[in-house]
């Protein structure tokens, strides 16, 4: 019985390995962060992209579903939709020194936005 199990196990391993090796790689259909459903997704993505973040969720940004700060100079915001996010960006025009990073339903206000944009996606909007 033992002699039969070893060859069967080896054949099964080769079949599985052969199938997985020939399977095509999944294609990425969208680059960047896209739409988020929780502010923590933005915090994690921004941190992974290099933003130093000591997250403090304050929810002080009017019109935002959630918002908070990573530092004195970095604010992350999540909105219901792109239109709400854009309205806040338009309202901040002339009030911020650095370009804002406008995503599908999120905004980052940070000096690091130019470095974050290639990873997070979104659009740099002059303040």
N, C-alpha and C. Protein backbone atom coordinates (compact mmCIF):
# COMPACT_ATOMS: atom_id res chain seq x y z
N UNK A 1 0.82 -1.19 0.00
CA UNK A 1 0.00 0.00 0.00
C UNK A 1 0.86 1.25 0.00
N UNK A 2 1.95 1.25 0.78
CA UNK A 2 2.83 2.41 0.84
C UNK A 2 3.44 2.73 -0.51
N UNK A 3 3.77 1.72 -1.27
CA UNK A 3 4.39 1.93 -2.56
C UNK A 3 3.43 2.63 -3.53
N UNK A 4 2.16 2.42 -3.39
CA UNK A 4 1.17 3.02 -4.26
C UNK A 4 0.91 4.48 -3.88
N UNK A 5 0.93 4.81 -2.59
CA UNK A 5 0.62 6.17 -2.12
C UNK A 5 1.68 7.16 -2.58
N UNK A 6 2.93 6.83 -2.49
CA UNK A 6 4.00 7.75 -2.86
C UNK A 6 3.90 8.18 -4.32
N UNK A 7 3.78 7.24 -5.30
CA UNK A 7 3.67 7.67 -6.70
C UNK A 7 2.39 8.49 -6.96
N UNK A 8 1.29 8.13 -6.33
CA UNK A 8 0.04 8.88 -6.52
C UNK A 8 0.20 10.30 -5.99
N UNK A 9 0.81 10.45 -4.82
CA UNK A 9 1.03 11.78 -4.24
C UNK A 9 1.94 12.61 -5.14
N UNK A 10 2.98 11.97 -5.72
CA UNK A 10 3.90 12.70 -6.58
C UNK A 10 3.20 13.15 -7.87
N UNK A 11 2.39 12.31 -8.44
CA UNK A 11 1.65 12.66 -9.66
C UNK A 11 0.68 13.79 -9.36
N UNK A 12 -0.02 13.72 -8.23
CA UNK A 12 -0.96 14.78 -7.86
C UNK A 12 -0.24 16.10 -7.68
N UNK A 13 0.94 16.07 -7.07
CA UNK A 13 1.71 17.30 -6.87
C UNK A 13 2.14 17.89 -8.21
N UNK A 14 2.56 17.05 -9.15
CA UNK A 14 2.97 17.54 -10.46
C UNK A 14 1.79 18.13 -11.23
N UNK A 15 0.63 17.49 -11.14
CA UNK A 15 -0.56 17.99 -11.83
C UNK A 15 -0.95 19.35 -11.27
N UNK A 16 -0.98 19.47 -9.95
CA UNK A 16 -1.33 20.75 -9.32
C UNK A 16 -0.31 21.81 -9.68
N UNK A 17 0.97 21.48 -9.61
CA UNK A 17 2.02 22.45 -9.94
C UNK A 17 1.92 22.86 -11.40
N UNK A 18 1.65 21.88 -12.28
CA UNK A 18 1.53 22.20 -13.70
C UNK A 18 0.36 23.10 -13.98
N UNK A 19 -0.75 22.89 -13.30
CA UNK A 19 -1.94 23.72 -13.51
C UNK A 19 -1.72 25.13 -13.03
N UNK A 20 -1.10 25.27 -11.86
CA UNK A 20 -0.92 26.61 -11.32
C UNK A 20 0.13 27.38 -12.12
N UNK A 21 1.11 26.68 -12.68
CA UNK A 21 2.15 27.37 -13.44
C UNK A 21 1.61 27.90 -14.77
N UNK A 22 0.60 27.23 -15.32
CA UNK A 22 0.11 27.66 -16.62
C UNK A 22 -1.04 28.66 -16.51
N UNK A 23 -1.54 28.90 -15.31
CA UNK A 23 -2.65 29.84 -15.14
C UNK A 23 -2.15 31.26 -15.38
N UNK A 24 -2.91 32.06 -16.13
CA UNK A 24 -2.47 33.43 -16.39
C UNK A 24 -2.55 34.28 -15.13
N UNK A 25 -1.67 35.26 -15.06
CA UNK A 25 -1.66 36.19 -13.93
C UNK A 25 -2.88 37.11 -14.04
N UNK A 26 -3.51 37.45 -12.90
CA UNK A 26 -4.64 38.38 -12.95
C UNK A 26 -4.16 39.77 -13.37
N UNK A 27 -4.95 40.43 -14.16
CA UNK A 27 -4.60 41.77 -14.61
C UNK A 27 -5.15 42.80 -13.65
N UNK A 28 -4.36 43.84 -13.38
CA UNK A 28 -4.85 44.94 -12.58
C UNK A 28 -5.64 45.86 -13.50
N UNK A 29 -6.88 46.11 -13.13
CA UNK A 29 -7.72 46.92 -13.99
C UNK A 29 -7.68 48.39 -13.60
N UNK A 30 -7.22 48.68 -12.38
CA UNK A 30 -7.22 50.06 -11.92
C UNK A 30 -5.97 50.30 -11.09
N UNK A 31 -5.28 51.39 -11.36
CA UNK A 31 -4.12 51.71 -10.54
C UNK A 31 -4.54 52.72 -9.48
N UNK A 32 -3.84 52.70 -8.39
CA UNK A 32 -4.14 53.62 -7.32
C UNK A 32 -5.17 53.07 -6.36
N UNK A 33 -5.58 53.92 -5.44
CA UNK A 33 -6.44 53.51 -4.35
C UNK A 33 -7.89 53.31 -4.75
N UNK A 34 -8.43 54.12 -5.63
CA UNK A 34 -9.83 53.99 -6.00
C UNK A 34 -10.75 54.43 -4.89
N UNK A 35 -11.98 53.95 -4.90
CA UNK A 35 -12.97 54.32 -3.89
C UNK A 35 -12.72 53.53 -2.61
N UNK A 36 -12.82 54.22 -1.48
CA UNK A 36 -12.63 53.57 -0.20
C UNK A 36 -13.96 53.49 0.55
N UNK A 37 -14.05 52.54 1.46
CA UNK A 37 -15.26 52.39 2.26
C UNK A 37 -15.00 52.67 3.74
N UNK A 38 -13.73 52.76 4.10
CA UNK A 38 -13.35 53.07 5.48
C UNK A 38 -12.12 53.97 5.45
N UNK A 39 -12.05 54.93 6.36
CA UNK A 39 -10.92 55.86 6.41
C UNK A 39 -9.61 55.11 6.66
N UNK A 40 -9.67 53.98 7.35
CA UNK A 40 -8.46 53.21 7.63
C UNK A 40 -7.79 52.73 6.34
N UNK A 41 -8.56 52.54 5.28
CA UNK A 41 -7.99 52.14 3.99
C UNK A 41 -7.08 53.25 3.47
N UNK A 42 -7.51 54.49 3.62
CA UNK A 42 -6.70 55.63 3.17
C UNK A 42 -5.47 55.78 4.06
N UNK A 43 -5.64 55.65 5.36
CA UNK A 43 -4.52 55.75 6.29
C UNK A 43 -3.47 54.68 5.96
N UNK A 44 -3.91 53.45 5.79
CA UNK A 44 -2.98 52.34 5.49
C UNK A 44 -2.28 52.55 4.15
N UNK A 45 -3.04 52.95 3.14
CA UNK A 45 -2.45 53.16 1.81
C UNK A 45 -1.45 54.31 1.84
N UNK A 46 -1.78 55.40 2.51
CA UNK A 46 -0.87 56.55 2.60
C UNK A 46 0.39 56.17 3.36
N UNK A 47 0.24 55.41 4.43
CA UNK A 47 1.40 54.96 5.20
C UNK A 47 2.26 54.03 4.36
N UNK A 48 1.63 53.09 3.66
CA UNK A 48 2.37 52.18 2.78
C UNK A 48 3.10 52.94 1.68
N UNK A 49 2.54 54.07 1.27
CA UNK A 49 3.15 54.89 0.21
C UNK A 49 4.26 55.78 0.74
N UNK A 50 4.47 55.79 2.06
CA UNK A 50 5.59 56.54 2.62
C UNK A 50 5.23 57.69 3.55
N UNK A 51 3.95 57.97 3.73
CA UNK A 51 3.55 59.05 4.64
C UNK A 51 3.78 58.61 6.08
N UNK A 52 4.49 59.43 6.83
CA UNK A 52 4.66 59.16 8.25
C UNK A 52 3.38 59.61 8.93
N UNK A 53 2.72 58.68 9.61
CA UNK A 53 1.38 58.97 10.10
C UNK A 53 1.18 58.48 11.53
N UNK A 54 0.94 59.43 12.40
CA UNK A 54 0.51 59.14 13.77
C UNK A 54 -0.98 59.46 13.79
N UNK A 55 -1.80 58.53 13.33
CA UNK A 55 -3.22 58.76 13.02
C UNK A 55 -4.03 59.16 14.25
N UNK A 56 -4.80 60.24 14.06
CA UNK A 56 -5.74 60.73 15.08
C UNK A 56 -7.04 61.07 14.36
N UNK A 57 -8.04 60.22 14.46
CA UNK A 57 -9.32 60.47 13.79
C UNK A 57 -10.10 61.51 14.58
N UNK A 58 -10.30 62.67 13.96
CA UNK A 58 -10.97 63.78 14.64
C UNK A 58 -12.36 64.04 14.10
N UNK A 59 -12.60 63.68 12.84
CA UNK A 59 -13.89 63.90 12.17
C UNK A 59 -14.32 65.37 12.24
N UNK A 60 -13.38 66.28 12.04
CA UNK A 60 -13.67 67.71 12.11
C UNK A 60 -13.94 68.36 10.75
N UNK A 61 -13.64 67.68 9.66
CA UNK A 61 -13.82 68.28 8.33
C UNK A 61 -15.30 68.24 7.96
N UNK A 62 -15.87 69.42 7.75
CA UNK A 62 -17.28 69.53 7.40
C UNK A 62 -17.54 68.86 6.05
N UNK A 63 -18.55 68.02 5.99
CA UNK A 63 -18.91 67.34 4.75
C UNK A 63 -18.24 66.00 4.57
N UNK A 64 -17.25 65.70 5.39
CA UNK A 64 -16.54 64.43 5.28
C UNK A 64 -17.25 63.36 6.10
N UNK A 65 -17.23 62.13 5.61
CA UNK A 65 -17.74 60.99 6.36
C UNK A 65 -16.82 60.71 7.54
N UNK A 66 -15.51 60.85 7.30
CA UNK A 66 -14.50 60.65 8.32
C UNK A 66 -13.27 61.47 7.95
N UNK A 67 -12.54 61.92 8.97
CA UNK A 67 -11.32 62.68 8.71
C UNK A 67 -10.45 62.66 9.96
N UNK A 68 -9.20 63.01 9.75
CA UNK A 68 -8.27 63.08 10.87
C UNK A 68 -6.91 63.54 10.40
N UNK A 69 -5.98 63.54 11.34
CA UNK A 69 -4.65 64.04 11.05
C UNK A 69 -3.59 62.95 11.25
N UNK A 70 -2.55 63.06 10.45
CA UNK A 70 -1.37 62.22 10.64
C UNK A 70 -0.30 63.01 11.38
N UNK A 71 -0.35 64.33 11.20
CA UNK A 71 0.60 65.24 11.83
C UNK A 71 0.00 66.64 11.76
N UNK A 72 0.76 67.62 12.19
CA UNK A 72 0.29 69.01 12.11
C UNK A 72 0.10 69.46 10.67
N UNK A 73 0.74 68.76 9.74
CA UNK A 73 0.68 69.21 8.35
C UNK A 73 0.05 68.20 7.40
N UNK A 74 -0.58 67.15 7.91
CA UNK A 74 -1.21 66.14 7.05
C UNK A 74 -2.61 65.81 7.54
N UNK A 75 -3.60 66.01 6.66
CA UNK A 75 -4.99 65.71 6.96
C UNK A 75 -5.51 64.74 5.91
N UNK A 76 -6.19 63.69 6.35
CA UNK A 76 -6.79 62.71 5.46
C UNK A 76 -8.30 62.76 5.63
N UNK A 77 -9.03 62.72 4.49
CA UNK A 77 -10.48 62.87 4.52
C UNK A 77 -11.14 61.85 3.60
N UNK A 78 -12.30 61.34 4.04
CA UNK A 78 -13.10 60.42 3.24
C UNK A 78 -14.50 61.01 3.08
N UNK A 79 -15.05 60.87 1.86
CA UNK A 79 -16.36 61.44 1.54
C UNK A 79 -17.28 60.37 0.96
N UNK A 80 -18.55 60.70 0.87
CA UNK A 80 -19.53 59.79 0.27
C UNK A 80 -19.21 59.51 -1.20
N UNK A 81 -18.79 60.56 -1.92
CA UNK A 81 -18.57 60.44 -3.36
C UNK A 81 -17.56 61.47 -3.84
N UNK A 82 -17.24 61.39 -5.10
CA UNK A 82 -16.24 62.28 -5.69
C UNK A 82 -16.71 63.74 -5.67
N UNK A 83 -17.98 63.96 -5.90
CA UNK A 83 -18.51 65.32 -5.94
C UNK A 83 -18.35 66.02 -4.59
N UNK A 84 -18.61 65.31 -3.50
CA UNK A 84 -18.43 65.89 -2.16
C UNK A 84 -16.96 66.19 -1.89
N UNK A 85 -16.08 65.29 -2.30
CA UNK A 85 -14.65 65.49 -2.12
C UNK A 85 -14.18 66.70 -2.93
N UNK A 86 -14.64 66.80 -4.16
CA UNK A 86 -14.26 67.92 -5.03
C UNK A 86 -14.77 69.25 -4.47
N UNK A 87 -15.97 69.25 -3.90
CA UNK A 87 -16.52 70.48 -3.33
C UNK A 87 -15.64 70.99 -2.18
N UNK A 88 -15.13 70.08 -1.37
CA UNK A 88 -14.24 70.50 -0.28
C UNK A 88 -12.92 71.01 -0.84
N UNK A 89 -12.38 70.34 -1.84
CA UNK A 89 -11.15 70.79 -2.48
C UNK A 89 -11.35 72.19 -3.07
N UNK A 90 -12.47 72.40 -3.75
CA UNK A 90 -12.76 73.72 -4.33
C UNK A 90 -12.89 74.77 -3.23
N UNK A 91 -13.47 74.40 -2.09
CA UNK A 91 -13.63 75.32 -0.98
C UNK A 91 -12.30 75.67 -0.31
N UNK A 92 -11.32 74.80 -0.43
CA UNK A 92 -10.01 75.06 0.17
C UNK A 92 -9.08 75.84 -0.77
N UNK A 93 -9.52 76.07 -1.99
CA UNK A 93 -8.69 76.80 -2.97
C UNK A 93 -8.25 78.13 -2.38
N UNK A 94 -6.97 78.39 -2.46
CA UNK A 94 -6.41 79.63 -1.94
C UNK A 94 -6.10 79.60 -0.46
N UNK A 95 -6.53 78.54 0.23
CA UNK A 95 -6.30 78.46 1.67
C UNK A 95 -5.15 77.51 2.04
N UNK A 96 -4.73 76.68 1.09
CA UNK A 96 -3.65 75.73 1.35
C UNK A 96 -2.47 76.03 0.44
N UNK A 97 -1.28 75.78 0.94
CA UNK A 97 -0.06 76.09 0.19
C UNK A 97 0.31 74.99 -0.80
N UNK A 98 0.12 73.76 -0.39
CA UNK A 98 0.52 72.62 -1.20
C UNK A 98 -0.66 72.12 -2.04
N UNK A 99 -0.38 71.47 -3.17
CA UNK A 99 -1.47 70.85 -3.93
C UNK A 99 -2.16 69.78 -3.10
N UNK A 100 -3.45 69.69 -3.22
CA UNK A 100 -4.24 68.66 -2.55
C UNK A 100 -4.27 67.42 -3.45
N UNK A 101 -4.39 66.26 -2.85
CA UNK A 101 -4.50 65.02 -3.60
C UNK A 101 -5.95 64.57 -3.54
N UNK A 102 -6.65 64.67 -4.68
CA UNK A 102 -8.07 64.35 -4.78
C UNK A 102 -8.24 62.99 -5.41
N UNK A 103 -8.83 62.07 -4.65
CA UNK A 103 -9.10 60.73 -5.15
C UNK A 103 -10.56 60.55 -5.46
N UNK A 104 -10.97 59.30 -5.63
CA UNK A 104 -12.34 59.00 -6.02
C UNK A 104 -13.34 59.50 -4.98
N UNK A 105 -13.07 59.25 -3.71
CA UNK A 105 -13.93 59.78 -2.63
C UNK A 105 -13.09 60.14 -1.41
N UNK A 106 -11.87 60.56 -1.64
CA UNK A 106 -10.96 60.90 -0.56
C UNK A 106 -10.06 62.06 -0.96
N UNK A 107 -9.52 62.72 0.06
CA UNK A 107 -8.61 63.85 -0.15
C UNK A 107 -7.47 63.74 0.87
N UNK A 108 -6.26 64.02 0.41
CA UNK A 108 -5.11 64.11 1.30
C UNK A 108 -4.55 65.53 1.18
N UNK A 109 -4.35 66.16 2.31
CA UNK A 109 -3.72 67.47 2.38
C UNK A 109 -2.41 67.28 3.12
N UNK A 110 -1.32 67.19 2.35
CA UNK A 110 -0.01 66.91 2.93
C UNK A 110 1.09 67.50 2.06
N UNK A 111 2.19 67.84 2.69
CA UNK A 111 3.37 68.30 1.93
C UNK A 111 3.93 67.16 1.08
N UNK A 112 3.57 65.93 1.38
CA UNK A 112 4.08 64.76 0.66
C UNK A 112 3.20 64.33 -0.51
N UNK A 113 2.19 65.11 -0.87
CA UNK A 113 1.24 64.68 -1.90
C UNK A 113 1.89 64.33 -3.23
N UNK A 114 2.90 65.07 -3.64
CA UNK A 114 3.57 64.77 -4.91
C UNK A 114 4.21 63.38 -4.87
N UNK A 115 4.70 62.96 -3.71
CA UNK A 115 5.30 61.64 -3.55
C UNK A 115 4.24 60.56 -3.41
N UNK A 116 3.10 60.90 -2.82
CA UNK A 116 2.03 59.93 -2.60
C UNK A 116 1.23 59.64 -3.87
N UNK A 117 1.08 60.63 -4.72
CA UNK A 117 0.22 60.52 -5.90
C UNK A 117 0.57 59.36 -6.83
N UNK A 118 1.84 59.10 -7.14
CA UNK A 118 2.12 57.95 -8.02
C UNK A 118 1.64 56.62 -7.46
N UNK A 119 1.57 56.48 -6.15
CA UNK A 119 1.15 55.23 -5.53
C UNK A 119 -0.35 55.21 -5.29
N UNK A 120 -0.89 56.29 -4.71
CA UNK A 120 -2.30 56.34 -4.37
C UNK A 120 -3.19 56.62 -5.56
N UNK A 121 -2.64 57.25 -6.59
CA UNK A 121 -3.47 57.69 -7.70
C UNK A 121 -4.08 59.02 -7.35
N UNK A 122 -5.18 59.34 -7.95
CA UNK A 122 -5.82 60.61 -7.71
C UNK A 122 -5.19 61.72 -8.52
N UNK A 123 -5.63 62.92 -8.24
CA UNK A 123 -5.22 64.10 -9.02
C UNK A 123 -4.69 65.16 -8.07
N UNK A 124 -3.52 65.70 -8.41
CA UNK A 124 -2.99 66.82 -7.65
C UNK A 124 -3.71 68.10 -8.09
N UNK A 125 -4.32 68.78 -7.11
CA UNK A 125 -5.10 69.99 -7.39
C UNK A 125 -4.45 71.15 -6.65
N UNK A 126 -4.07 72.16 -7.40
CA UNK A 126 -3.46 73.35 -6.77
C UNK A 126 -4.42 74.02 -5.83
N UNK A 127 -3.90 74.42 -4.67
CA UNK A 127 -4.72 75.06 -3.64
C UNK A 127 -4.88 76.53 -3.81
